[in-house]
């Protein structure tokens, strides 16, 4: 739709109306923002082996272990999954910069290891390291 001015009615306005262009670009931007995270999870990759890294120096580190049978240990003391969070909260209250080393058996259940990591996070511990073997 061209806007007519007081001049000659036969003149055609040669300006581009950018409003539809901006509308289309905003819609495309929203579509890309929504779909980009979904595309990242669809790619199958094999993760590389890790190299040796320097350990984090802390005063005292708590070792969480998960064995192949699904038993969970806090510093070589067997405990249940439900009690991990409360034990770590007590340790974290006594030492605010508490570090946790998670050592899980290669054949252990991934879901159990994920639950242990979630319990560490809920306990408020921000320093979590996963112990692996170097090749």
N, C-alpha and C. Protein backbone atom coordinates (compact mmCIF):
# COMPACT_ATOMS: atom_id res chain seq x y z
N UNK A 1 0.85 -1.17 0.00
CA UNK A 1 0.00 0.00 0.00
C UNK A 1 0.90 1.23 0.00
N UNK A 2 0.73 2.05 -0.99
CA UNK A 2 1.53 3.26 -1.12
C UNK A 2 0.79 4.43 -0.52
N UNK A 3 1.53 5.32 0.09
CA UNK A 3 0.94 6.51 0.69
C UNK A 3 0.98 7.63 -0.34
N UNK A 4 -0.15 8.25 -0.53
CA UNK A 4 -0.21 9.35 -1.50
C UNK A 4 0.05 10.67 -0.80
N UNK A 5 0.79 11.49 -1.45
CA UNK A 5 1.07 12.81 -0.92
C UNK A 5 0.24 13.83 -1.69
N UNK A 6 0.44 15.09 -1.38
CA UNK A 6 -0.36 16.13 -2.02
C UNK A 6 0.06 16.40 -3.46
N UNK A 7 1.15 15.79 -3.87
CA UNK A 7 1.65 16.02 -5.22
C UNK A 7 0.82 15.28 -6.27
N UNK A 8 1.46 14.94 -7.33
CA UNK A 8 0.82 14.27 -8.46
C UNK A 8 0.37 12.87 -8.05
N UNK A 9 -0.86 12.50 -8.36
CA UNK A 9 -1.44 11.22 -7.99
C UNK A 9 -0.88 10.08 -8.82
N UNK A 10 -0.23 10.34 -9.95
CA UNK A 10 0.29 9.29 -10.82
C UNK A 10 1.66 8.78 -10.37
N UNK A 11 2.33 9.50 -9.48
CA UNK A 11 3.66 9.07 -9.03
C UNK A 11 3.54 7.85 -8.13
N UNK A 12 4.43 6.90 -8.34
CA UNK A 12 4.46 5.70 -7.52
C UNK A 12 5.60 5.86 -6.51
N UNK A 13 5.32 5.47 -5.28
CA UNK A 13 6.32 5.58 -4.23
C UNK A 13 7.34 4.45 -4.38
N UNK A 14 8.61 4.77 -4.35
CA UNK A 14 9.63 3.75 -4.58
C UNK A 14 10.32 3.30 -3.29
N UNK A 15 9.73 3.50 -2.14
CA UNK A 15 10.31 3.06 -0.88
C UNK A 15 9.86 1.63 -0.58
N UNK A 16 10.74 0.87 0.04
CA UNK A 16 10.43 -0.51 0.39
C UNK A 16 9.78 -0.53 1.77
N UNK A 17 8.70 -1.24 1.87
CA UNK A 17 8.03 -1.41 3.16
C UNK A 17 8.75 -2.54 3.91
N UNK A 18 9.47 -2.22 4.97
CA UNK A 18 10.28 -3.20 5.68
C UNK A 18 9.53 -3.92 6.80
N UNK A 19 8.32 -3.54 7.10
CA UNK A 19 7.58 -4.17 8.19
C UNK A 19 7.37 -5.67 7.95
N UNK A 20 6.92 -6.13 6.77
CA UNK A 20 6.78 -7.57 6.57
C UNK A 20 8.13 -8.30 6.64
N UNK A 21 9.19 -7.66 6.17
CA UNK A 21 10.52 -8.26 6.24
C UNK A 21 10.95 -8.46 7.69
N UNK A 22 10.71 -7.48 8.53
CA UNK A 22 11.05 -7.58 9.94
C UNK A 22 10.22 -8.67 10.61
N UNK A 23 8.94 -8.76 10.27
CA UNK A 23 8.08 -9.80 10.84
C UNK A 23 8.58 -11.19 10.49
N UNK A 24 8.95 -11.39 9.25
CA UNK A 24 9.46 -12.69 8.82
C UNK A 24 10.77 -13.02 9.53
N UNK A 25 11.65 -12.06 9.65
CA UNK A 25 12.93 -12.28 10.30
C UNK A 25 12.75 -12.62 11.79
N UNK A 26 11.82 -11.96 12.46
CA UNK A 26 11.57 -12.27 13.87
C UNK A 26 11.00 -13.67 14.04
N UNK A 27 10.12 -14.08 13.15
CA UNK A 27 9.57 -15.43 13.22
C UNK A 27 10.68 -16.46 13.00
N UNK A 28 11.54 -16.23 12.02
CA UNK A 28 12.65 -17.15 11.78
C UNK A 28 13.60 -17.21 12.98
N UNK A 29 13.86 -16.07 13.59
CA UNK A 29 14.72 -16.04 14.77
C UNK A 29 14.14 -16.89 15.90
N UNK A 30 12.86 -16.75 16.16
CA UNK A 30 12.21 -17.53 17.21
C UNK A 30 12.26 -19.02 16.87
N UNK A 31 12.03 -19.37 15.62
CA UNK A 31 12.07 -20.78 15.22
C UNK A 31 13.46 -21.35 15.44
N UNK A 32 14.51 -20.62 15.07
CA UNK A 32 15.86 -21.11 15.26
C UNK A 32 16.23 -21.21 16.73
N UNK A 33 15.78 -20.27 17.54
CA UNK A 33 16.08 -20.32 18.97
C UNK A 33 15.42 -21.53 19.62
N UNK A 34 14.22 -21.86 19.19
CA UNK A 34 13.51 -23.00 19.78
C UNK A 34 14.09 -24.32 19.30
N UNK A 35 14.45 -24.43 18.04
CA UNK A 35 14.90 -25.71 17.50
C UNK A 35 16.38 -25.99 17.70
N UNK A 36 17.20 -25.02 17.96
CA UNK A 36 18.65 -25.23 18.10
C UNK A 36 19.00 -26.20 19.23
N UNK A 37 18.43 -26.09 20.44
CA UNK A 37 18.76 -27.06 21.48
C UNK A 37 18.31 -28.48 21.14
N UNK A 38 17.23 -28.62 20.40
CA UNK A 38 16.76 -29.95 20.04
C UNK A 38 17.68 -30.62 19.04
N UNK A 39 18.30 -29.87 18.17
CA UNK A 39 19.19 -30.44 17.18
C UNK A 39 20.50 -30.90 17.81
N UNK A 40 20.94 -30.24 18.85
CA UNK A 40 22.22 -30.60 19.48
C UNK A 40 22.14 -31.96 20.15
N UNK A 41 20.98 -32.36 20.66
CA UNK A 41 20.84 -33.63 21.35
C UNK A 41 20.64 -34.80 20.39
N UNK A 42 20.40 -34.55 19.13
CA UNK A 42 20.12 -35.61 18.17
C UNK A 42 21.38 -36.19 17.55
N UNK A 43 22.52 -35.58 17.77
CA UNK A 43 23.76 -36.03 17.15
C UNK A 43 24.39 -37.11 18.02
N UNK A 44 24.73 -38.24 17.41
CA UNK A 44 25.39 -39.33 18.12
C UNK A 44 26.90 -39.16 17.99
N UNK A 45 27.59 -39.09 19.13
CA UNK A 45 29.04 -38.95 19.12
C UNK A 45 29.65 -39.94 20.10
N UNK A 46 30.90 -40.30 19.83
CA UNK A 46 31.67 -41.09 20.77
C UNK A 46 32.63 -40.14 21.47
N UNK A 47 32.50 -40.02 22.77
CA UNK A 47 33.32 -39.09 23.52
C UNK A 47 34.76 -39.58 23.61
N UNK A 48 35.73 -38.69 23.57
CA UNK A 48 37.13 -39.10 23.63
C UNK A 48 37.54 -39.49 25.04
N UNK A 49 38.65 -40.21 25.12
CA UNK A 49 39.24 -40.56 26.41
C UNK A 49 39.85 -39.30 27.02
N UNK A 50 39.92 -39.27 28.34
CA UNK A 50 40.45 -38.08 28.99
C UNK A 50 41.94 -38.22 29.25
N UNK A 51 42.60 -37.12 29.27
CA UNK A 51 44.03 -37.08 29.59
C UNK A 51 44.18 -36.79 31.07
N UNK A 52 45.37 -36.93 31.56
CA UNK A 52 45.66 -36.68 32.96
C UNK A 52 45.52 -35.19 33.25
N UNK A 53 44.80 -34.88 34.33
CA UNK A 53 44.64 -33.50 34.74
C UNK A 53 45.14 -33.34 36.17
N UNK A 54 45.45 -32.14 36.54
CA UNK A 54 45.92 -31.86 37.89
C UNK A 54 44.74 -31.91 38.86
N UNK A 55 44.90 -32.55 40.00
CA UNK A 55 43.81 -32.61 40.96
C UNK A 55 43.57 -31.26 41.63
N UNK A 56 42.35 -31.05 42.07
CA UNK A 56 42.00 -29.83 42.80
C UNK A 56 42.49 -29.98 44.22
N UNK A 57 43.24 -28.99 44.69
CA UNK A 57 43.76 -29.06 46.04
C UNK A 57 42.73 -28.50 47.02
N UNK A 58 42.31 -29.34 47.95
CA UNK A 58 41.38 -28.92 48.98
C UNK A 58 41.87 -29.47 50.32
N UNK A 59 41.27 -28.99 51.37
CA UNK A 59 41.66 -29.45 52.70
C UNK A 59 41.30 -30.92 52.89
N UNK A 60 40.06 -31.26 52.64
CA UNK A 60 39.61 -32.63 52.80
C UNK A 60 38.58 -32.92 51.72
N UNK A 61 38.71 -34.06 51.09
CA UNK A 61 37.76 -34.46 50.07
C UNK A 61 37.03 -35.72 50.52
N UNK A 62 35.74 -35.76 50.27
CA UNK A 62 34.92 -36.92 50.58
C UNK A 62 34.88 -37.79 49.33
N UNK A 63 35.05 -39.09 49.51
CA UNK A 63 35.01 -40.01 48.39
C UNK A 63 33.68 -40.75 48.39
N UNK A 64 32.93 -40.61 47.29
CA UNK A 64 31.70 -41.37 47.08
C UNK A 64 32.03 -42.48 46.10
N UNK A 65 31.66 -43.70 46.43
CA UNK A 65 31.94 -44.84 45.56
C UNK A 65 30.66 -45.59 45.26
N UNK A 66 30.53 -46.02 44.01
CA UNK A 66 29.40 -46.85 43.59
C UNK A 66 30.00 -48.11 42.97
N UNK A 67 29.70 -49.29 43.57
CA UNK A 67 30.29 -50.51 43.04
C UNK A 67 29.36 -51.16 42.00
N UNK A 68 29.79 -52.26 41.43
CA UNK A 68 29.05 -52.92 40.35
C UNK A 68 27.71 -53.48 40.82
N UNK A 69 27.58 -53.79 42.10
CA UNK A 69 26.32 -54.33 42.62
C UNK A 69 25.33 -53.23 43.00
N UNK A 70 25.71 -51.97 42.88
CA UNK A 70 24.80 -50.86 43.15
C UNK A 70 24.88 -50.36 44.59
N UNK A 71 25.87 -50.78 45.35
CA UNK A 71 26.03 -50.28 46.71
C UNK A 71 26.78 -48.95 46.67
N UNK A 72 26.38 -48.04 47.55
CA UNK A 72 26.97 -46.70 47.59
C UNK A 72 27.74 -46.55 48.90
N UNK A 73 28.94 -46.00 48.81
CA UNK A 73 29.81 -45.82 49.97
C UNK A 73 30.19 -44.35 50.09
N UNK A 74 30.19 -43.87 51.33
CA UNK A 74 30.70 -42.53 51.63
C UNK A 74 31.92 -42.73 52.51
N UNK A 75 33.10 -42.43 51.96
CA UNK A 75 34.37 -42.66 52.67
C UNK A 75 34.46 -44.08 53.23
N UNK A 76 34.27 -45.06 52.40
CA UNK A 76 34.38 -46.50 52.71
C UNK A 76 33.34 -47.00 53.69
N UNK A 77 32.29 -46.22 53.95
CA UNK A 77 31.19 -46.64 54.81
C UNK A 77 29.95 -46.80 53.95
N UNK A 78 29.38 -48.01 53.93
CA UNK A 78 28.21 -48.24 53.08
C UNK A 78 27.01 -47.46 53.61
N UNK A 79 26.28 -46.85 52.68
CA UNK A 79 25.11 -46.06 53.04
C UNK A 79 24.05 -46.23 51.95
N UNK A 80 22.85 -45.81 52.26
CA UNK A 80 21.78 -45.89 51.27
C UNK A 80 21.74 -44.61 50.44
N UNK A 81 21.08 -44.71 49.30
CA UNK A 81 20.98 -43.55 48.41
C UNK A 81 20.22 -42.41 49.07
N UNK A 82 19.23 -42.74 49.88
CA UNK A 82 18.41 -41.71 50.53
C UNK A 82 19.21 -40.92 51.58
N UNK A 83 20.23 -41.51 52.15
CA UNK A 83 20.98 -40.86 53.23
C UNK A 83 22.17 -40.04 52.73
N UNK A 84 22.54 -40.17 51.46
CA UNK A 84 23.72 -39.47 50.95
C UNK A 84 23.56 -37.96 51.09
N UNK A 85 22.39 -37.46 50.70
CA UNK A 85 22.17 -36.01 50.73
C UNK A 85 22.31 -35.45 52.14
N UNK A 86 21.71 -36.12 53.13
CA UNK A 86 21.78 -35.61 54.50
C UNK A 86 23.20 -35.69 55.05
N UNK A 87 23.94 -36.74 54.72
CA UNK A 87 25.32 -36.84 55.19
C UNK A 87 26.20 -35.76 54.57
N UNK A 88 26.00 -35.51 53.28
CA UNK A 88 26.80 -34.48 52.62
C UNK A 88 26.43 -33.08 53.11
N UNK A 89 25.15 -32.85 53.43
CA UNK A 89 24.76 -31.55 53.98
C UNK A 89 25.45 -31.30 55.32
N UNK A 90 25.54 -32.35 56.14
CA UNK A 90 26.21 -32.20 57.44
C UNK A 90 27.70 -31.92 57.24
N UNK A 91 28.34 -32.64 56.32
CA UNK A 91 29.75 -32.41 56.05
C UNK A 91 29.99 -31.04 55.42
N UNK A 92 29.07 -30.62 54.55
CA UNK A 92 29.19 -29.33 53.89
C UNK A 92 28.97 -28.18 54.88
N UNK A 93 28.13 -28.39 55.88
CA UNK A 93 27.92 -27.38 56.90
C UNK A 93 29.17 -27.16 57.74
N UNK A 94 29.91 -28.24 58.00
CA UNK A 94 31.14 -28.13 58.78
C UNK A 94 32.29 -27.56 57.96
N UNK A 95 32.28 -27.84 56.65
CA UNK A 95 33.36 -27.37 55.77
C UNK A 95 32.73 -26.84 54.48
N UNK A 96 32.56 -25.52 54.35
CA UNK A 96 31.88 -24.94 53.19
C UNK A 96 32.56 -25.20 51.84
N UNK A 97 33.90 -25.37 51.83
CA UNK A 97 34.58 -25.62 50.55
C UNK A 97 34.83 -27.11 50.34
N UNK A 98 33.89 -27.93 50.75
CA UNK A 98 33.99 -29.38 50.66
C UNK A 98 34.04 -29.82 49.20
N UNK A 99 34.93 -30.76 48.92
CA UNK A 99 35.03 -31.35 47.58
C UNK A 99 34.65 -32.81 47.66
N UNK A 100 34.01 -33.29 46.61
CA UNK A 100 33.56 -34.69 46.55
C UNK A 100 34.20 -35.34 45.34
N UNK A 101 34.79 -36.53 45.56
CA UNK A 101 35.35 -37.33 44.47
C UNK A 101 34.41 -38.51 44.26
N UNK A 102 33.85 -38.63 43.07
CA UNK A 102 32.92 -39.71 42.74
C UNK A 102 33.66 -40.78 41.96
N UNK A 103 33.65 -41.99 42.51
CA UNK A 103 34.32 -43.12 41.88
C UNK A 103 33.27 -44.20 41.64
N UNK A 104 32.92 -44.43 40.37
CA UNK A 104 31.88 -45.40 40.02
C UNK A 104 32.48 -46.51 39.19
N UNK A 105 32.04 -47.73 39.46
CA UNK A 105 32.48 -48.88 38.68
C UNK A 105 32.00 -48.74 37.24
N UNK A 106 32.82 -49.23 36.30
CA UNK A 106 32.49 -49.10 34.88
C UNK A 106 31.18 -49.81 34.53
N UNK A 107 30.87 -50.90 35.23
CA UNK A 107 29.65 -51.64 34.92
C UNK A 107 28.47 -51.26 35.82
N UNK A 108 28.62 -50.20 36.60
CA UNK A 108 27.51 -49.77 37.46
C UNK A 108 26.40 -49.13 36.64
N UNK A 109 25.23 -49.08 37.22
CA UNK A 109 24.05 -48.53 36.56
C UNK A 109 24.20 -47.01 36.42
N UNK A 110 24.05 -46.52 35.19
CA UNK A 110 24.17 -45.08 34.94
C UNK A 110 23.12 -44.28 35.71
N UNK A 111 21.92 -44.81 35.83
CA UNK A 111 20.86 -44.12 36.56
C UNK A 111 21.20 -43.92 38.02
N UNK A 112 21.83 -44.92 38.62
CA UNK A 112 22.23 -44.80 40.02
C UNK A 112 23.32 -43.74 40.18
N UNK A 113 24.28 -43.73 39.27
CA UNK A 113 25.35 -42.72 39.33
C UNK A 113 24.76 -41.32 39.15
N UNK A 114 23.78 -41.17 38.25
CA UNK A 114 23.13 -39.88 38.05
C UNK A 114 22.38 -39.44 39.31
N UNK A 115 21.74 -40.39 40.00
CA UNK A 115 21.04 -40.06 41.25
C UNK A 115 22.02 -39.63 42.33
N UNK A 116 23.18 -40.26 42.39
CA UNK A 116 24.20 -39.88 43.36
C UNK A 116 24.69 -38.46 43.06
N UNK A 117 24.91 -38.17 41.79
CA UNK A 117 25.36 -36.82 41.41
C UNK A 117 24.29 -35.77 41.73
N UNK A 118 23.03 -36.12 41.54
CA UNK A 118 21.95 -35.19 41.88
C UNK A 118 21.89 -34.95 43.39
N UNK A 119 22.14 -36.00 44.18
CA UNK A 119 22.16 -35.84 45.63
C UNK A 119 23.29 -34.93 46.07
N UNK A 120 24.43 -35.03 45.41
CA UNK A 120 25.57 -34.14 45.72
C UNK A 120 25.18 -32.70 45.41
N UNK A 121 24.52 -32.49 44.30
CA UNK A 121 24.09 -31.13 43.92
C UNK A 121 23.07 -30.58 44.90
N UNK A 122 22.10 -31.40 45.29
CA UNK A 122 21.08 -30.93 46.25
C UNK A 122 21.68 -30.63 47.62
N UNK A 123 22.78 -31.29 47.97
CA UNK A 123 23.43 -31.05 49.26
C UNK A 123 24.17 -29.72 49.27
N UNK A 124 24.33 -29.09 48.12
CA UNK A 124 24.97 -27.79 48.06
C UNK A 124 26.46 -27.84 47.79
N UNK A 125 26.98 -29.01 47.47
CA UNK A 125 28.40 -29.16 47.17
C UNK A 125 28.64 -28.73 45.73
N UNK A 126 29.56 -27.78 45.55
CA UNK A 126 29.81 -27.27 44.20
C UNK A 126 31.07 -27.85 43.58
N UNK A 127 31.89 -28.54 44.35
CA UNK A 127 33.13 -29.13 43.83
C UNK A 127 32.96 -30.64 43.74
N UNK A 128 32.63 -31.11 42.55
CA UNK A 128 32.46 -32.55 42.31
C UNK A 128 33.41 -32.96 41.20
N UNK A 129 34.20 -33.97 41.45
CA UNK A 129 35.08 -34.49 40.41
C UNK A 129 34.82 -35.98 40.25
N UNK A 130 34.87 -36.43 39.00
CA UNK A 130 34.64 -37.83 38.69
C UNK A 130 36.00 -38.47 38.48
N UNK A 131 36.27 -39.55 39.22
CA UNK A 131 37.56 -40.22 39.17
C UNK A 131 37.53 -41.25 38.06
N UNK A 132 38.53 -41.18 37.15
CA UNK A 132 38.65 -42.14 36.06
C UNK A 132 40.09 -42.64 35.99
N UNK A 133 40.30 -43.69 35.23
CA UNK A 133 41.63 -44.20 35.00
C UNK A 133 42.22 -43.56 33.77
N UNK A 134 43.49 -43.26 33.81
CA UNK A 134 44.17 -42.69 32.65
C UNK A 134 44.68 -43.83 31.78
N UNK A 135 44.60 -43.61 30.48
CA UNK A 135 45.08 -44.64 29.58
C UNK A 135 46.38 -44.24 28.95
